[in-house]
Each structure stands twice: as structure tokens, then as C-alpha cells.
Amino acid sequence: MSHNAFGRRAFLRRGGMAVAAGAAFPVLSPALQAAPARALTAPASTDPDQLFQAGWFAAAARGYARQLRQDPGDAHALAQRGYIALLSNQLGPAENFLTEAIQLAPGDTFSRGKLADCYMRQDQLTRAVPLLRQTGNQGDAAEACAGRELGYRLDQGFPRRHDHRSCA
């Protein structure tokens, strides 16, 4: 019985704190009150890199697309479009953009790592491991290889076999 009384007391205490916080909100500075409204306004910059850093991914993707219309060989813009697609779980476009970026800039380890991530999300570990090794992060490659050797993943409640080609 004391457990129920404690639960009611805690509930009432928390409810009182919520009411107090609600009463204090109008007293807050106008800058804090206007913060949500500013979050919905258009971004100030048109530079896709700045838009990306600010979290305006759709606007950044449009900016990178604009750059690619002007310069189809812009490896950075391709890589960023691929990364944005990967963040949106659009694995087909991500794979296409990142593959093209790597073809244009073979030394781009960031794009290799993101393409490997794309392959891992599609359970294509055989394609991911070599890319991870090329990034120089042997720990990620070893982890993906170990996952591939384990060879199972749950898919709709049933174990499914992965591709078992060697990691060597």
C-alpha cells in the first residue's frame, strides 16, 4: 500500500512541477519564445555545405544538385548527395552517387566508408569489407568480416544465411 501512496505522491509532485513550468513560460525572454518560429524559417545561406552543417538536408541536396548541373564531375557534391541519400535510407541513389564520387576521386576514404555502410545496410558484406579495408579503419573491416563469418541475421523471425565468401 505504501508503494501506491508513493506513486500517487510522485505523480502529484511531477504534475505540480509541470504546472509551475507552464506558469513560468510567459515570463521567459522573447528570444527563447521565438526560437521554434525561427527553426521553421528558410535558411539564410545558399551554400550547400553550410546548409548541410546546419541540418537543412533537403536544401543542401538541392544545392548539390545545382552544383552537379554546372559541373557533373564535382566529386564532393556527388559524395554529399550520396551521404544525404544514405541518411534518408535511400540506398539505391546513395550507392549510385557514392560509387560515382569514388570513381572521380579514388582517394576519398570518407565516400568509401559511406558506400561500405550502404552495402552493409543491404547485407552485402562481401562488397563492404574491401571498401572498409581501403578506408584504413581495420577495426570496422574486422567487425564486418566477423559479422559475415557469423553468417546469420534475423529476418522476419527466421535466421537467414549471408554470403559466405572468405574475408581474406
Protein backbone atom coordinates (compact mmCIF):
# COMPACT_ATOMS: atom_id res chain seq x y z
CA MET A 1 0.00 0.00 0.00
CA SER A 2 2.87 2.38 0.69
CA HIS A 3 4.05 1.73 -2.87
CA ASN A 4 0.75 3.08 -4.28
CA ALA A 5 0.88 6.10 -1.98
CA PHE A 6 4.42 6.83 -3.13
CA GLY A 7 3.34 6.53 -6.76
CA ARG A 8 0.46 8.99 -6.25
CA ARG A 9 2.69 11.43 -4.38
CA ALA A 10 5.32 11.29 -7.10
CA PHE A 11 2.64 11.81 -9.75
CA LEU A 12 1.19 14.82 -7.94
CA ARG A 13 4.65 16.28 -7.33
CA ARG A 14 5.58 15.94 -11.02
CA GLY A 15 2.21 17.36 -12.05
CA GLY A 16 2.80 20.39 -9.81
CA MET A 17 6.23 20.91 -11.37
CA ALA A 18 4.68 20.83 -14.86
CA VAL A 19 2.10 23.44 -13.85
CA ALA A 20 4.83 25.64 -12.39
CA ALA A 21 6.89 25.33 -15.56
CA GLY A 22 3.84 26.27 -17.64
CA ALA A 23 3.25 29.31 -15.49
CA ALA A 24 6.86 30.40 -15.88
CA PHE A 25 6.89 30.10 -19.70
CA PRO A 26 5.27 33.52 -20.40
CA VAL A 27 7.93 35.14 -18.23
CA LEU A 28 10.75 33.76 -20.39
CA SER A 29 12.58 36.11 -22.70
CA PRO A 30 11.06 36.74 -26.15
CA ALA A 31 14.16 35.24 -27.79
CA LEU A 32 13.50 31.88 -26.16
CA GLN A 33 9.83 32.01 -27.06
CA ALA A 34 10.60 32.84 -30.70
CA ALA A 35 13.16 30.02 -31.11
CA PRO A 36 10.67 27.48 -32.51
CA ALA A 37 9.40 30.02 -35.05
CA ARG A 38 12.94 30.71 -36.24
CA ALA A 39 13.53 26.98 -36.70
CA LEU A 40 10.80 26.95 -39.36
CA THR A 41 12.10 29.89 -41.37
CA ALA A 42 14.15 29.47 -44.53
CA PRO A 43 17.91 29.08 -44.16
CA ALA A 44 19.99 32.21 -44.57
CA SER A 45 22.67 30.60 -46.72
CA THR A 46 22.53 29.01 -50.16
CA ASP A 47 25.91 27.26 -49.81
CA PRO A 48 25.13 23.52 -49.72
CA ASP A 49 27.99 22.77 -47.32
CA GLN A 50 26.69 25.33 -44.82
CA LEU A 51 23.13 24.07 -45.28
CA PHE A 52 24.31 20.52 -44.64
CA GLN A 53 26.18 21.56 -41.49
CA ALA A 54 23.06 23.38 -40.27
CA GLY A 55 20.94 20.27 -40.79
CA TRP A 56 18.97 21.55 -43.80
CA PHE A 57 19.50 18.32 -45.73
CA ALA A 58 16.80 18.78 -48.39
CA ALA A 59 18.02 22.30 -49.17
CA ALA A 60 21.62 21.06 -49.21
CA ALA A 61 20.68 18.24 -51.60
CA ARG A 62 19.08 20.79 -53.93
CA GLY A 63 22.24 22.91 -53.71
CA TYR A 64 24.49 19.95 -54.53
CA ALA A 65 22.18 19.05 -57.44
CA ARG A 66 22.55 22.62 -58.70
CA GLN A 67 26.35 22.29 -58.45
CA LEU A 68 26.23 18.99 -60.35
CA ARG A 69 24.20 20.57 -63.17
CA GLN A 70 27.01 23.13 -63.53
CA ASP A 71 29.84 20.61 -63.01
CA PRO A 72 28.84 16.92 -63.35
CA GLY A 73 32.35 15.91 -62.30
CA ASP A 74 32.17 17.52 -58.84
CA ALA A 75 33.17 14.56 -56.64
CA HIS A 76 32.43 16.44 -53.41
CA ALA A 77 28.86 17.26 -54.49
CA LEU A 78 28.31 13.64 -55.56
CA ALA A 79 29.65 12.36 -52.25
CA GLN A 80 27.44 14.71 -50.27
CA ARG A 81 24.35 13.80 -52.32
CA GLY A 82 25.18 10.16 -51.64
CA TYR A 83 25.60 10.82 -47.93
CA ILE A 84 22.28 12.68 -47.74
CA ALA A 85 20.58 9.81 -49.58
CA LEU A 86 22.18 7.36 -47.14
CA LEU A 87 20.95 9.42 -44.17
CA SER A 88 17.47 9.25 -45.73
CA ASN A 89 17.83 5.47 -46.14
CA GLN A 90 17.58 5.82 -49.94
CA LEU A 91 20.14 3.11 -50.53
CA GLY A 92 19.92 2.88 -54.34
CA PRO A 93 20.61 6.56 -55.01
CA ALA A 94 23.20 6.61 -52.21
CA GLU A 95 25.07 3.73 -53.81
CA ASN A 96 24.97 5.41 -57.24
CA PHE A 97 26.18 8.82 -56.03
CA LEU A 98 28.91 7.40 -53.78
CA THR A 99 30.18 4.99 -56.45
CA GLU A 100 30.46 7.83 -58.94
CA ALA A 101 32.20 10.04 -56.35
CA ILE A 102 34.78 7.30 -55.70
CA GLN A 103 35.38 6.87 -59.43
CA LEU A 104 36.10 10.60 -59.70
CA ALA A 105 38.17 10.79 -56.50
CA PRO A 106 39.68 7.35 -55.79
CA GLY A 107 41.45 8.56 -52.65
CA ASP A 108 38.22 9.69 -50.94
CA THR A 109 38.12 7.44 -47.87
CA PHE A 110 35.03 9.16 -46.47
CA SER A 111 32.97 8.17 -49.53
CA ARG A 112 34.39 4.65 -49.39
CA GLY A 113 33.28 4.34 -45.78
CA LYS A 114 29.78 5.63 -46.58
CA LEU A 115 29.48 3.27 -49.57
CA ALA A 116 30.55 0.40 -47.30
CA ASP A 117 27.84 1.49 -44.85
CA CYS A 118 25.35 1.44 -47.72
CA TYR A 119 26.38 -2.11 -48.63
CA MET A 120 26.19 -3.27 -45.02
CA ARG A 121 22.65 -1.92 -44.70
CA GLN A 122 21.78 -4.09 -47.71
CA ASP A 123 23.53 -7.15 -46.19
CA GLN A 124 26.17 -7.04 -48.93
CA LEU A 125 29.08 -7.57 -46.58
CA THR A 126 31.24 -9.11 -49.31
CA ARG A 127 31.18 -5.74 -51.08
CA ALA A 128 31.57 -3.72 -47.87
CA VAL A 129 34.67 -5.37 -46.37
CA PRO A 130 37.15 -4.38 -49.14
CA LEU A 131 35.92 -0.78 -49.00
CA LEU A 132 36.32 -0.70 -45.23
CA ARG A 133 39.85 -2.02 -45.55
CA GLN A 134 40.63 0.73 -48.06
CA THR A 135 39.50 3.40 -45.59
CA GLY A 136 42.33 2.42 -43.26
CA ASN A 137 39.96 1.57 -40.41
CA GLN A 138 40.84 -2.09 -39.91
CA GLY A 139 38.54 -2.34 -36.88
CA ASP A 140 35.44 -1.67 -38.98
CA ALA A 141 36.61 -4.16 -41.62
CA ALA A 142 37.27 -6.82 -38.97
CA GLU A 143 33.84 -6.23 -37.42
CA ALA A 144 32.07 -6.54 -40.79
CA CYS A 145 34.12 -9.64 -41.58
CA ALA A 146 33.19 -11.20 -38.24
CA GLY A 147 29.55 -10.45 -38.92
CA ARG A 148 29.80 -12.08 -42.30
CA GLU A 149 31.52 -15.18 -40.86
CA LEU A 150 28.76 -15.47 -38.29
CA GLY A 151 26.52 -15.73 -41.30
CA TYR A 152 23.12 -15.17 -39.78
CA ARG A 153 20.74 -12.33 -39.27
CA LEU A 154 17.16 -12.30 -38.11
CA ASP A 155 14.81 -11.62 -40.96
CA GLN A 156 11.14 -11.74 -40.07
CA GLY A 157 11.88 -14.05 -37.15
CA PHE A 158 13.89 -16.65 -39.07
CA PRO A 159 17.67 -16.96 -39.44
CA ARG A 160 18.92 -16.27 -42.95
CA ARG A 161 22.34 -17.18 -44.33
CA HIS A 162 24.67 -14.45 -45.57
CA ASP A 163 27.07 -14.73 -48.42
CA HIS A 164 29.94 -16.85 -47.08
CA ARG A 165 32.87 -15.96 -49.29
CA SER A 166 36.03 -15.61 -47.25
CA CYS A 167 37.12 -12.35 -45.68
CA ALA A 168 40.74 -12.89 -46.63
